[in-house]
Amino acid sequence: MGSLSPLLTVMTEVATKAGRSLNRDFRDVEHLQVSRKGPADFVSVADKKAEDIIYDRLTQARPGYGFLMEERGIVEGTDKSHRWIVDPLDGTLNFLHGMPHFAVSIALEREGELVAGVIYNPATDEMFHAEKGRGAWLSDRRLRVAGRKHLDEAVMATGMPFIGKKGHAQFLKELHQVMPHCAGIRRMGSAALDLAWVAAGRFDGFWERNLKPWDIAAGIVLVREAGGFVAEIDGGADILATGHIAAGNEAMLGELGQRLNAAAR
């Protein structure tokens, strides 16, 4: 994996440990205990076990840091300048259906700024990691966003609102604006991996609304450190607060933004 900073060493080791737990449960997924948080919104024993591992390990490694976690919520720390933002299993529905496209996502926020991110798919053993000023990497390979300049040659990623989530009509308007102008659209089921794949140049861009901070925090760091850009779809200042995110290289983000703005009119 090359030379990692002490911070990224901790984060990747913790993600790997949680990933091993997820892989064990993934092999026996049909026997997992699953509960429903809302319509089409599930949580499994696997999520909770992975989150416990991450919480315990990060607390040992960096005592006092706060947490924002999908299952635990906000955990105040004595160190008010640092906060971990964690999704122990992004792509739960994929996981529960035996699809090997899910991830552990861990980001660090320092003084309100995202400074490091790790996204790990244990099913494929792909470890994406980035730290501010140090670039974005897939294991020991440096990542750069794709260089395509126009939507008509681009493959875009998105997420569709599922049952019980708001924004269905708005999404269909946006899809109608984007789809005829691009080479392809993919809906893979993990926003964290969508952003990691933008950083890796596999996707040319990504947009989605109403995401949670733990879905996108690590991916934001990865895209930026891979030379890409991240924007709040409606022009707001706080992507983590609204969850409305678009990402890509500068030209792609500009074209995508024009199409999304047209959908809002």
Protein backbone atom coordinates (compact mmCIF):
# COMPACT_ATOMS: atom_id res chain seq x y z
CA MET A 1 0.00 0.00 0.00
CA GLY A 2 3.03 2.28 -0.03
CA SER A 3 4.01 4.73 2.67
CA LEU A 4 1.00 5.77 4.74
CA SER A 5 0.84 8.52 7.33
CA PRO A 6 0.14 7.40 10.91
CA LEU A 7 -3.43 8.66 10.50
CA LEU A 8 -4.13 6.69 7.32
CA THR A 9 -2.39 3.65 8.78
CA VAL A 10 -4.92 3.68 11.62
CA MET A 11 -7.88 4.29 9.31
CA THR A 12 -6.98 1.57 6.78
CA GLU A 13 -6.24 -0.97 9.51
CA VAL A 14 -9.59 -0.28 11.16
CA ALA A 15 -11.44 -0.49 7.82
CA THR A 16 -9.71 -3.79 7.07
CA LYS A 17 -10.69 -5.22 10.45
CA ALA A 18 -14.34 -4.19 9.98
CA GLY A 19 -14.22 -5.53 6.42
CA ARG A 20 -13.13 -8.96 7.61
CA SER A 21 -16.18 -9.08 9.87
CA LEU A 22 -18.44 -8.05 6.99
CA ASN A 23 -16.94 -10.68 4.70
CA ARG A 24 -17.64 -13.41 7.24
CA ASP A 25 -21.27 -12.33 7.48
CA PHE A 26 -21.50 -11.89 3.69
CA ARG A 27 -20.63 -15.55 3.19
CA ASP A 28 -23.56 -16.48 5.44
CA VAL A 29 -25.86 -13.59 4.56
CA GLU A 30 -29.05 -15.65 4.26
CA HIS A 31 -28.86 -16.41 7.99
CA LEU A 32 -28.26 -12.83 9.17
CA GLN A 33 -30.66 -11.18 11.57
CA VAL A 34 -32.10 -8.13 9.80
CA SER A 35 -34.40 -5.39 11.05
CA ARG A 36 -36.18 -2.61 9.20
CA LYS A 37 -35.53 1.04 10.06
CA GLY A 38 -38.06 2.27 7.52
CA PRO A 39 -39.48 1.37 4.08
CA ALA A 40 -36.67 -0.37 2.13
CA ASP A 41 -34.21 0.78 4.82
CA PHE A 42 -32.61 -2.14 6.61
CA VAL A 43 -29.98 -2.70 9.26
CA SER A 44 -28.36 -6.05 9.92
CA VAL A 45 -26.31 -7.59 12.69
CA ALA A 46 -23.39 -7.20 10.25
CA ASP A 47 -23.74 -3.38 10.24
CA LYS A 48 -23.75 -3.26 14.02
CA LYS A 49 -20.80 -5.62 14.46
CA ALA A 50 -18.72 -3.65 11.96
CA GLU A 51 -19.61 -0.36 13.62
CA ASP A 52 -18.65 -1.73 17.05
CA ILE A 53 -15.25 -2.76 15.68
CA ILE A 54 -14.68 0.68 14.13
CA TYR A 55 -15.84 2.54 17.24
CA ASP A 56 -13.70 0.48 19.61
CA ARG A 57 -10.55 0.60 17.46
CA LEU A 58 -10.74 4.30 16.65
CA THR A 59 -11.45 5.15 20.29
CA GLN A 60 -8.32 3.25 21.31
CA ALA A 61 -6.21 4.84 18.58
CA ARG A 62 -7.42 8.43 19.03
CA PRO A 63 -8.93 8.87 22.51
CA GLY A 64 -11.30 11.78 22.82
CA TYR A 65 -12.27 12.16 19.16
CA GLY A 66 -16.00 12.49 18.54
CA PHE A 67 -18.08 10.39 16.16
CA LEU A 68 -20.92 10.75 13.71
CA MET A 69 -22.01 7.20 12.87
CA GLU A 70 -24.94 5.76 10.94
CA GLU A 71 -26.18 3.49 13.73
CA ARG A 72 -24.88 5.23 16.88
CA GLY A 73 -25.53 8.77 15.71
CA ILE A 74 -23.56 11.58 17.36
CA VAL A 75 -21.04 10.64 20.05
CA GLU A 76 -19.48 13.69 21.67
CA GLY A 77 -15.75 13.51 22.35
CA THR A 78 -13.57 15.47 24.74
CA ASP A 79 -11.52 16.62 21.73
CA LYS A 80 -13.94 19.04 20.06
CA SER A 81 -11.69 19.69 17.05
CA HIS A 82 -11.79 16.14 15.64
CA ARG A 83 -14.70 13.96 14.57
CA TRP A 84 -14.87 10.63 12.78
CA ILE A 85 -17.71 10.26 10.24
CA VAL A 86 -18.44 6.57 9.75
CA ASP A 87 -20.65 4.30 7.70
CA PRO A 88 -19.84 0.71 8.70
CA LEU A 89 -21.71 -0.72 5.70
CA ASP A 90 -22.62 1.47 2.76
CA GLY A 91 -24.68 -0.55 0.31
CA THR A 92 -26.60 -2.60 2.86
CA LEU A 93 -29.24 -3.67 0.32
CA ASN A 94 -26.53 -4.96 -2.04
CA PHE A 95 -24.97 -6.81 0.89
CA LEU A 96 -28.24 -8.43 1.93
CA HIS A 97 -28.90 -9.57 -1.65
CA GLY A 98 -25.48 -11.17 -2.04
CA MET A 99 -24.08 -8.47 -4.35
CA PRO A 100 -20.34 -7.84 -3.76
CA HIS A 101 -20.61 -4.06 -4.03
CA PHE A 102 -20.58 -2.52 -0.55
CA ALA A 103 -18.08 -0.63 1.55
CA VAL A 104 -16.77 0.55 4.88
CA SER A 105 -16.46 4.34 4.84
CA ILE A 106 -14.42 6.32 7.39
CA ALA A 107 -13.65 10.05 7.23
CA LEU A 108 -11.95 12.43 9.64
CA GLU A 109 -13.13 15.99 10.14
CA ARG A 110 -10.70 18.45 11.76
CA GLU A 111 -11.95 21.88 12.84
CA GLY A 112 -14.97 21.35 10.58
CA GLU A 113 -12.86 20.43 7.52
CA LEU A 114 -12.72 16.98 5.94
CA VAL A 115 -9.04 15.98 5.95
CA ALA A 116 -8.89 12.20 5.39
CA GLY A 117 -11.05 9.44 3.97
CA VAL A 118 -10.95 5.67 3.53
CA ILE A 119 -13.43 3.60 1.52
CA TYR A 120 -12.91 -0.16 1.56
CA ASN A 121 -14.81 -2.81 -0.37
CA PRO A 122 -13.99 -6.03 1.50
CA ALA A 123 -15.59 -8.23 -1.18
CA THR A 124 -13.05 -7.06 -3.79
CA ASP A 125 -10.30 -6.08 -1.31
CA GLU A 126 -10.08 -2.58 -2.82
CA MET A 127 -8.83 0.04 -0.37
CA PHE A 128 -9.31 3.64 -1.51
CA HIS A 129 -7.65 6.22 0.73
CA ALA A 130 -6.84 9.92 0.68
CA GLU A 131 -5.49 12.60 2.98
CA LYS A 132 -5.53 16.33 2.35
CA GLY A 133 -2.44 17.34 0.41
CA ARG A 134 -1.23 13.75 -0.05
CA GLY A 135 -3.31 12.63 -3.03
CA ALA A 136 -5.84 9.83 -3.49
CA TRP A 137 -4.81 6.21 -3.83
CA LEU A 138 -6.12 2.73 -4.53
CA SER A 139 -3.70 0.67 -2.45
CA ASP A 140 -0.35 1.95 -3.82
CA ARG A 141 -1.68 3.33 -7.14
CA ARG A 142 -2.18 7.09 -7.42
CA LEU A 143 -5.68 8.06 -8.55
CA ARG A 144 -6.78 10.79 -10.94
CA VAL A 145 -10.30 11.67 -12.01
CA ALA A 146 -11.16 10.93 -15.65
CA GLY A 147 -10.20 13.57 -18.18
CA ARG A 148 -13.27 13.45 -20.43
CA LYS A 149 -14.73 16.90 -21.04
CA HIS A 150 -18.23 16.28 -22.39
CA LEU A 151 -21.31 14.44 -21.18
CA ASP A 152 -21.81 12.68 -24.51
CA GLU A 153 -18.68 10.58 -23.84
CA ALA A 154 -19.25 10.14 -20.12
CA VAL A 155 -20.55 7.38 -17.88
CA MET A 156 -22.32 8.96 -14.91
CA ALA A 157 -23.33 7.44 -11.59
CA THR A 158 -26.37 8.33 -9.54
CA GLY A 159 -28.66 7.04 -6.84
CA MET A 160 -32.42 6.69 -7.13
CA PRO A 161 -34.74 7.47 -4.23
CA PHE A 162 -36.28 4.22 -3.03
CA ILE A 163 -39.67 3.65 -1.45
CA GLY A 164 -40.26 5.94 1.52
CA LYS A 165 -37.64 8.51 0.45
CA LYS A 166 -38.54 11.94 -0.89
CA GLY A 167 -37.50 13.32 -4.23
CA HIS A 168 -38.88 10.80 -6.74
CA ALA A 169 -40.38 13.42 -9.08
CA GLN A 170 -37.30 15.63 -8.87
CA PHE A 171 -35.01 12.69 -9.64
CA LEU A 172 -37.03 11.75 -12.72
CA LYS A 173 -36.73 15.33 -14.01
CA GLU A 174 -32.97 15.25 -13.47
CA LEU A 175 -32.67 11.85 -15.14
CA HIS A 176 -34.66 13.15 -18.10
CA GLN A 177 -32.21 16.05 -18.42
CA VAL A 178 -29.00 14.04 -18.03
CA MET A 179 -29.71 10.67 -19.64
CA PRO A 180 -30.16 11.79 -23.30
CA HIS A 181 -26.89 13.72 -23.18
CA CYS A 182 -24.47 11.12 -21.76
CA ALA A 183 -23.00 7.81 -22.89
CA GLY A 184 -24.45 5.91 -19.94
CA ILE A 185 -25.83 6.10 -16.42
CA ARG A 186 -25.19 3.56 -13.69
CA ARG A 187 -26.99 3.04 -10.37
CA MET A 188 -24.71 0.79 -8.29
CA GLY A 189 -26.23 1.15 -4.81
CA SER A 190 -23.34 2.61 -2.80
CA ALA A 191 -22.72 6.37 -2.83
CA ALA A 192 -19.37 5.87 -1.08
CA LEU A 193 -18.12 3.58 -3.85
CA ASP A 194 -19.64 5.84 -6.52
CA LEU A 195 -17.43 8.67 -5.27
CA ALA A 196 -14.41 6.39 -4.93
CA TRP A 197 -14.95 5.29 -8.53
CA VAL A 198 -15.15 8.94 -9.66
CA ALA A 199 -11.78 9.47 -7.95
CA ALA A 200 -10.44 6.39 -9.75
CA GLY A 201 -11.69 7.58 -13.16
CA ARG A 202 -14.12 4.69 -13.56
CA PHE A 203 -17.08 7.07 -13.46
CA ASP A 204 -16.84 10.50 -15.08
CA GLY A 205 -19.26 12.05 -12.62
CA PHE A 206 -21.86 11.45 -9.93
CA TRP A 207 -24.90 13.18 -8.54
CA GLU A 208 -27.44 12.35 -5.87
CA ARG A 209 -29.69 14.17 -3.40
CA ASN A 210 -30.62 13.66 0.25
CA LEU A 211 -27.57 11.66 1.26
CA LYS A 212 -26.25 11.48 4.81
CA PRO A 213 -22.82 12.80 5.87
CA TRP A 214 -21.51 9.27 6.44
CA ASP A 215 -22.45 8.34 2.84
CA ILE A 216 -20.25 11.01 1.26
CA ALA A 217 -17.63 12.40 3.69
CA ALA A 218 -14.79 10.03 2.79
CA GLY A 219 -15.66 10.16 -0.90
CA ILE A 220 -15.46 13.96 -0.94
CA VAL A 221 -11.84 13.77 0.25
CA LEU A 222 -11.02 11.12 -2.35
CA VAL A 223 -12.47 13.08 -5.28
CA ARG A 224 -10.77 16.32 -4.29
CA GLU A 225 -7.41 14.65 -3.75
CA ALA A 226 -7.75 12.92 -7.15
CA GLY A 227 -7.97 16.35 -8.80
CA GLY A 228 -11.74 16.45 -9.02
CA PHE A 229 -14.37 18.83 -7.79
CA VAL A 230 -17.38 18.40 -5.52
CA ALA A 231 -20.34 20.78 -5.38
CA GLU A 232 -23.66 21.19 -3.64
CA ILE A 233 -26.22 20.70 -6.43
CA ASP A 234 -28.25 23.81 -5.59
CA GLY A 235 -25.21 26.01 -4.93
CA GLY A 236 -25.31 25.75 -1.14
CA ALA A 237 -22.21 25.99 1.00
CA ASP A 238 -22.61 22.86 3.13
CA ILE A 239 -22.82 19.58 1.22
CA LEU A 240 -22.84 17.49 4.40
CA ALA A 241 -25.85 19.42 5.71
CA THR A 242 -28.04 19.05 2.59
CA GLY A 243 -26.66 15.81 1.15
CA HIS A 244 -27.15 17.19 -2.40
CA ILE A 245 -23.88 16.34 -4.14
CA ALA A 246 -22.37 16.42 -7.62
CA ALA A 247 -18.81 15.38 -8.44
CA GLY A 248 -16.46 15.09 -11.40
CA ASN A 249 -13.67 16.96 -13.13
CA GLU A 250 -14.19 20.70 -13.60
CA ALA A 251 -15.60 20.48 -17.14
CA MET A 252 -17.84 17.51 -16.38
CA LEU A 253 -19.19 19.12 -13.23
CA GLY A 254 -20.00 22.24 -15.23
CA GLU A 255 -21.99 20.34 -17.86
CA LEU A 256 -23.72 18.20 -15.25
CA GLY A 257 -24.61 21.32 -13.27
CA GLN A 258 -26.22 22.89 -16.34
CA ARG A 259 -28.41 19.83 -16.88
CA LEU A 260 -29.42 19.64 -13.20
CA ASN A 261 -30.23 23.35 -13.17
CA ALA A 262 -32.41 22.86 -16.24
CA ALA A 263 -34.33 20.16 -14.35
CA ALA A 264 -35.06 22.62 -11.55
CA ARG A 265 -36.67 25.14 -13.87
